[in-house]
Amino acid sequence: MGSAGQLMDTEVTVGVLALQGAFNEHIQLLRAAAQILAGKNGVQRTWTFKEVRTEAELKSCDALIIPGGESTAISLVAQRCNMLEPLRDFVKVSRKPTWGTCAGLILLAEAANQTKKGGQELIGGLDVRVKRNHFGRQIESFEANLDLPFLQEAESDLSQNKPFRAIFIRAPIVEKLLPHVAGAQHEEAKLDGTIIAPSRAIDQTVAKAVDLADVEIMCSLPGRTTAVNMKTKDNLDAEAGDIVAVRQANVFGTSFHPELTGDPRIHIWWLEQVAKAVDQRRGA
C-alpha cells in the first residue's frame, strides 16, 4: 500500500454546476463512468461527484461540468448567487478541467451571438464564437450519429467504433474559432447581438502546467444545417461548418447532450482527461 499522501493524490472531486438544467443526469453518468474506469492502468482512484451551488463547493472541486439547460437562466442565477466571478476564476485563472454541454458550451464561449445585450453573462474559457439555437426551436430538436475519434483514447471495454447517438435540443454550434490572443473577443463585441466574456489572465503558476494552445475541433456535423436552414448556412464562417465539439487545453465543450443518452463513453474519456490534468497539476 502507498502512504497516506499517495492515497490522497488519487482522490479527485468533480463538481456539476447545479443552478439549473440537467445536472443530476451528468452525475449519474459520471458514477457509471467511474465504475467502468475502476482499476484501469493499475490506479485505484477515489472519485467524488457533487452538485455545486456555492463558491465554497466550487473551490473543493478539481474539475467541473456546466450542464445543458437554459444558458440565460444559469447565468442569471449564477449572478444572483455571486458565482460568476468564482466560475471565471475556476475556468480562466486556475484553468481547472471544465466541460460544458449545450448551454454550458455557450457559457464557456468567449463570444456568443443571437443574444440581447444585458440578457446574460458569459464565463469564457474557449476562444470561440457560438451561435445560440442554431438548429431552431425545441420542436426541431433531433438525434444524430456522430463519429468521435477521440473516444479511441478512452481506456474502457465498451465498443469505441460504434457511432455516438447524440441528442441536440435547441443546440448551439461553434460559428467561429477565435485567435488565442489577449483581447481577441473584443472585436466580436462590435457585431450586433453579440456578447463577450470578460478577459481574465491565467495564473502564471498554473500556466507552467497548462499549455493554452488554439481551439481543437473535436467533431463536426456536416450537412445538417443545409437540410434545416439554408439561410443560416450562408451566414456561417467558411472555416467553421457545423462544429459541435471543441477543446482548448483542458476546457471542453459539446453542443449536444451526452448526459441524456445513457451512453457513458464521453464521460469515461473526460474523466481520463481530468485524471491526467490533476496528476500533472499535483506533480504526479
Protein backbone atom coordinates (compact mmCIF):
# COMPACT_ATOMS: atom_id res chain seq x y z
CA MET A 1 0.00 0.00 0.00
CA GLY A 2 1.07 3.58 -0.60
CA SER A 3 1.47 6.26 2.02
CA ALA A 4 -1.40 8.46 3.15
CA GLY A 5 -0.06 11.23 0.91
CA GLN A 6 -0.08 8.91 -2.09
CA LEU A 7 -3.63 7.84 -1.35
CA MET A 8 -4.74 11.45 -1.19
CA ASP A 9 -3.24 12.02 -4.65
CA THR A 10 -5.69 9.51 -6.13
CA GLU A 11 -8.72 11.41 -4.82
CA VAL A 12 -10.45 13.54 -7.44
CA THR A 13 -13.54 15.68 -6.87
CA VAL A 14 -15.69 16.57 -9.86
CA GLY A 15 -18.47 19.11 -9.49
CA VAL A 16 -21.55 19.62 -11.62
CA LEU A 17 -22.95 23.14 -11.57
CA ALA A 18 -26.45 22.67 -10.17
CA LEU A 19 -28.08 26.07 -10.64
CA GLN A 20 -30.41 24.89 -13.43
CA GLY A 21 -30.51 22.20 -16.10
CA ALA A 22 -29.61 18.53 -16.39
CA PHE A 23 -27.07 18.32 -13.58
CA ASN A 24 -28.39 15.12 -11.99
CA GLU A 25 -28.16 13.24 -15.30
CA HIS A 26 -24.48 14.15 -15.53
CA ILE A 27 -23.80 12.88 -12.02
CA GLN A 28 -25.46 9.55 -12.79
CA LEU A 29 -23.33 9.05 -15.92
CA LEU A 30 -20.18 10.16 -14.08
CA ARG A 31 -20.79 7.45 -11.48
CA ALA A 32 -21.29 4.85 -14.21
CA ALA A 33 -18.12 6.02 -15.96
CA ALA A 34 -16.09 5.84 -12.74
CA GLN A 35 -17.21 2.26 -12.14
CA ILE A 36 -16.06 1.28 -15.63
CA LEU A 37 -12.72 3.00 -15.08
CA ALA A 38 -12.13 1.40 -11.66
CA GLY A 39 -8.70 -0.15 -11.52
CA LYS A 40 -7.70 0.75 -15.07
CA ASN A 41 -3.96 1.29 -15.59
CA GLY A 42 -3.34 -0.03 -12.10
CA VAL A 43 -4.52 3.18 -10.45
CA GLN A 44 -7.40 2.92 -8.00
CA ARG A 45 -8.81 6.43 -7.86
CA THR A 46 -11.40 7.68 -5.45
CA TRP A 47 -13.89 9.78 -7.39
CA THR A 48 -16.28 12.16 -5.67
CA PHE A 49 -19.10 13.71 -7.66
CA LYS A 50 -21.02 16.60 -6.15
CA GLU A 51 -23.58 19.24 -7.01
CA VAL A 52 -22.12 22.75 -6.93
CA ARG A 53 -24.15 25.78 -5.95
CA THR A 54 -21.76 27.86 -3.82
CA GLU A 55 -18.25 29.26 -4.09
CA ALA A 56 -17.09 27.00 -1.25
CA GLU A 57 -18.37 23.91 -3.07
CA LEU A 58 -16.68 25.06 -6.28
CA LYS A 59 -13.33 25.58 -4.54
CA SER A 60 -13.39 21.97 -3.34
CA CYS A 61 -13.51 20.67 -6.94
CA ASP A 62 -10.69 19.55 -9.20
CA ALA A 63 -12.94 19.71 -12.28
CA LEU A 64 -16.39 20.96 -13.26
CA ILE A 65 -19.24 20.23 -15.65
CA ILE A 66 -21.62 23.01 -16.69
CA PRO A 67 -24.75 21.17 -17.84
CA GLY A 68 -27.30 21.71 -20.54
CA GLY A 69 -30.36 23.79 -19.71
CA GLU A 70 -31.08 27.47 -20.31
CA SER A 71 -27.85 29.45 -20.59
CA THR A 72 -29.62 32.70 -19.72
CA ALA A 73 -31.20 31.17 -16.61
CA ILE A 74 -27.92 29.60 -15.46
CA SER A 75 -26.13 32.91 -15.98
CA LEU A 76 -28.76 34.94 -14.09
CA VAL A 77 -28.87 32.52 -11.16
CA ALA A 78 -25.07 32.46 -11.02
CA GLN A 79 -25.05 36.26 -10.96
CA ARG A 80 -27.58 36.40 -8.13
CA CYS A 81 -25.63 33.77 -6.17
CA ASN A 82 -22.35 35.66 -6.64
CA MET A 83 -20.97 32.68 -8.57
CA LEU A 84 -19.96 34.30 -11.87
CA GLU A 85 -16.58 35.56 -10.73
CA PRO A 86 -15.68 32.32 -8.89
CA LEU A 87 -16.61 30.40 -12.05
CA ARG A 88 -14.42 32.67 -14.20
CA ASP A 89 -11.56 32.21 -11.75
CA PHE A 90 -12.03 28.43 -11.84
CA VAL A 91 -12.08 28.20 -15.64
CA LYS A 92 -9.85 31.04 -16.81
CA VAL A 93 -7.47 31.85 -13.95
CA SER A 94 -6.97 28.46 -12.25
CA ARG A 95 -7.72 26.74 -15.57
CA LYS A 96 -9.12 23.61 -13.98
CA PRO A 97 -10.70 20.98 -16.28
CA THR A 98 -14.18 22.10 -17.30
CA TRP A 99 -16.77 20.64 -19.68
CA GLY A 100 -19.85 22.47 -20.89
CA THR A 101 -22.75 20.75 -22.66
CA CYS A 102 -25.17 22.77 -24.82
CA ALA A 103 -25.95 25.73 -22.53
CA GLY A 104 -22.61 25.04 -20.85
CA LEU A 105 -20.83 25.44 -24.18
CA ILE A 106 -22.49 28.83 -24.66
CA LEU A 107 -21.37 29.97 -21.21
CA LEU A 108 -17.78 28.82 -21.82
CA ALA A 109 -17.51 30.68 -25.13
CA GLU A 110 -15.63 33.95 -25.33
CA ALA A 111 -18.37 35.31 -27.61
CA ALA A 112 -22.00 34.40 -28.30
CA ASN A 113 -24.45 35.86 -30.78
CA GLN A 114 -28.24 35.98 -31.05
CA THR A 115 -28.12 37.37 -27.53
CA LYS A 116 -29.66 40.51 -26.12
CA LYS A 117 -27.02 42.72 -24.55
CA GLY A 118 -27.51 42.68 -20.81
CA GLY A 119 -29.55 39.50 -21.10
CA GLN A 120 -26.86 37.21 -19.79
CA GLU A 121 -23.19 36.98 -18.88
CA LEU A 122 -20.57 34.59 -20.22
CA ILE A 123 -17.87 32.80 -18.26
CA GLY A 124 -15.47 32.29 -21.15
CA GLY A 125 -12.52 29.93 -21.48
CA LEU A 126 -12.95 28.75 -25.08
CA ASP A 127 -11.72 31.04 -27.84
CA VAL A 128 -14.83 30.61 -29.97
CA ARG A 129 -17.96 32.44 -31.03
CA VAL A 130 -21.07 30.33 -30.62
CA LYS A 131 -24.41 30.72 -32.32
CA ARG A 132 -27.30 30.06 -29.97
CA ASN A 133 -30.31 27.98 -31.01
CA HIS A 134 -28.63 27.30 -34.34
CA PHE A 135 -30.97 24.46 -35.34
CA GLY A 136 -34.16 26.24 -34.35
CA ARG A 137 -36.83 25.77 -31.70
CA GLN A 138 -37.24 22.87 -29.31
CA ILE A 139 -39.70 21.11 -31.65
CA GLU A 140 -36.85 20.98 -34.18
CA SER A 141 -34.64 19.00 -31.81
CA PHE A 142 -33.10 15.90 -33.32
CA GLU A 143 -30.70 13.00 -32.82
CA ALA A 144 -27.67 12.18 -34.97
CA ASN A 145 -24.96 9.54 -35.10
CA LEU A 146 -21.56 11.15 -34.54
CA ASP A 147 -18.13 9.81 -35.34
CA LEU A 148 -15.97 10.79 -32.34
CA PRO A 149 -12.38 9.69 -32.98
CA PHE A 150 -11.21 10.96 -29.60
CA LEU A 151 -13.17 8.18 -27.90
CA GLN A 152 -10.47 5.81 -29.13
CA GLU A 153 -8.33 7.30 -26.35
CA ALA A 154 -10.68 6.04 -23.65
CA GLU A 155 -9.49 3.08 -21.58
CA SER A 156 -12.72 1.11 -21.47
CA ASP A 157 -14.03 -2.17 -22.79
CA LEU A 158 -17.04 -0.54 -24.44
CA SER A 159 -17.11 -0.61 -28.21
CA GLN A 160 -15.33 2.53 -29.37
CA ASN A 161 -16.14 2.01 -33.04
CA LYS A 162 -19.90 2.42 -32.96
CA PRO A 163 -21.28 5.94 -33.56
CA PHE A 164 -22.29 8.09 -30.61
CA ARG A 165 -26.03 8.81 -30.77
CA ALA A 166 -26.13 12.50 -29.87
CA ILE A 167 -29.17 14.49 -28.77
CA PHE A 168 -29.48 18.11 -29.94
CA ILE A 169 -32.05 20.31 -28.16
CA ARG A 170 -32.12 23.98 -29.19
CA ALA A 171 -28.43 23.42 -29.68
CA PRO A 172 -25.74 25.99 -30.40
CA ILE A 173 -22.82 25.46 -32.75
CA VAL A 174 -19.34 26.91 -32.81
CA GLU A 175 -19.65 29.51 -35.54
CA LYS A 176 -16.08 30.82 -35.49
CA LEU A 177 -12.71 29.94 -33.99
CA LEU A 178 -11.09 33.00 -32.43
CA PRO A 179 -7.32 33.60 -32.28
CA HIS A 180 -5.74 32.88 -28.94
CA VAL A 181 -4.51 36.41 -28.27
CA ALA A 182 -5.39 38.80 -25.48
CA GLY A 183 -8.49 40.85 -26.24
CA ALA A 184 -9.46 38.93 -29.37
CA GLN A 185 -13.05 38.71 -28.19
CA HIS A 186 -13.39 42.50 -28.08
CA GLU A 187 -13.67 42.62 -31.87
CA GLU A 188 -16.65 40.29 -31.56
CA ALA A 189 -18.46 42.82 -29.36
CA LYS A 190 -18.78 45.11 -32.38
CA LEU A 191 -21.20 42.65 -34.00
CA ASP A 192 -24.91 43.22 -33.45
CA GLY A 193 -26.42 40.88 -30.90
CA THR A 194 -23.04 39.51 -29.80
CA ILE A 195 -21.82 39.48 -26.21
CA ILE A 196 -18.35 38.65 -24.93
CA ALA A 197 -16.81 37.25 -21.78
CA PRO A 198 -14.63 39.46 -19.57
CA SER A 199 -10.90 38.95 -20.02
CA ARG A 200 -9.05 37.11 -17.26
CA ALA A 201 -5.35 36.25 -17.15
CA ILE A 202 -4.31 32.71 -16.32
CA ASP A 203 -2.41 32.27 -13.07
CA GLN A 204 1.27 32.17 -14.01
CA THR A 205 1.97 29.20 -11.77
CA VAL A 206 -0.82 27.30 -13.48
CA ALA A 207 0.42 28.38 -16.92
CA LYS A 208 3.54 26.23 -16.43
CA ALA A 209 1.37 23.10 -16.25
CA VAL A 210 -1.29 24.01 -18.83
CA ASP A 211 -0.48 24.51 -22.50
CA LEU A 212 -3.03 27.02 -23.77
CA ALA A 213 -3.00 26.04 -27.43
CA ASP A 214 -5.53 27.06 -30.07
CA VAL A 215 -9.01 25.55 -30.09
CA GLU A 216 -9.15 22.00 -31.41
CA ILE A 217 -12.20 20.84 -33.38
CA MET A 218 -13.30 17.52 -31.91
CA CYS A 219 -16.41 16.91 -34.03
CA SER A 220 -18.39 18.49 -36.86
CA LEU A 221 -21.87 17.70 -38.13
CA PRO A 222 -21.69 18.12 -41.91
CA GLY A 223 -24.79 18.64 -43.97
CA ARG A 224 -27.32 19.12 -41.19
CA THR A 225 -27.53 22.90 -41.48
CA THR A 226 -28.24 22.79 -45.20
CA ALA A 227 -31.16 20.49 -44.56
CA VAL A 228 -32.53 22.65 -41.77
CA ASN A 229 -31.97 26.22 -42.83
CA MET A 230 -30.10 27.30 -45.94
CA LYS A 231 -30.08 30.96 -44.94
CA THR A 232 -28.37 30.08 -41.68
CA LYS A 233 -25.74 28.10 -43.60
CA ASP A 234 -24.96 31.12 -45.76
CA ASN A 235 -24.20 33.18 -42.66
CA LEU A 236 -21.62 30.79 -41.24
CA ASP A 237 -17.90 31.46 -41.39
CA ALA A 238 -16.47 29.34 -44.18
CA GLU A 239 -13.86 27.66 -41.98
CA ALA A 240 -16.29 26.59 -39.30
CA GLY A 241 -19.14 24.47 -40.63
CA ASP A 242 -21.34 22.79 -38.04
CA ILE A 243 -18.79 22.39 -35.26
CA VAL A 244 -20.43 20.63 -32.33
CA ALA A 245 -17.47 19.73 -30.08
CA VAL A 246 -14.28 21.64 -29.30
CA ARG A 247 -11.42 21.54 -26.83
CA GLN A 248 -8.84 24.10 -25.79
CA ALA A 249 -6.30 22.67 -23.37
CA ASN A 250 -8.47 21.27 -20.54
CA VAL A 251 -11.67 23.14 -21.38
CA PHE A 252 -14.10 21.05 -23.44
CA GLY A 253 -17.47 21.91 -24.97
CA THR A 254 -20.21 19.95 -26.76
CA SER A 255 -23.34 21.30 -28.49
CA PHE A 256 -25.24 18.14 -27.70
CA HIS A 257 -26.37 16.38 -24.51
CA PRO A 258 -24.32 13.24 -23.72
CA GLU A 259 -25.93 13.20 -20.27
CA LEU A 260 -29.34 12.37 -21.80
CA THR A 261 -28.18 9.35 -23.78
CA GLY A 262 -27.26 6.79 -21.14
CA ASP A 263 -24.01 6.23 -23.10
CA PRO A 264 -21.06 6.87 -20.72
CA ARG A 265 -18.26 6.84 -23.30
CA ILE A 266 -17.68 10.60 -23.42
CA HIS A 267 -17.84 10.77 -19.63
CA ILE A 268 -15.25 7.98 -19.43
CA TRP A 269 -12.96 9.82 -21.84
CA TRP A 270 -13.41 13.11 -20.00
CA LEU A 271 -12.68 11.60 -16.58
CA GLU A 272 -9.43 10.26 -18.01
CA GLN A 273 -8.55 13.76 -19.22
CA VAL A 274 -9.38 15.09 -15.76
CA ALA A 275 -7.17 12.47 -14.11
CA LYS A 276 -4.23 13.38 -16.34
CA ALA A 277 -4.69 17.10 -15.66
CA VAL A 278 -4.96 16.57 -11.91
CA ASP A 279 -1.86 14.35 -11.85
CA GLN A 280 0.09 16.95 -13.81
CA ARG A 281 -1.05 19.75 -11.52
CA ARG A 282 -0.07 17.75 -8.45
CA GLY A 283 3.25 16.80 -9.95
CA ALA A 284 2.45 13.08 -10.09
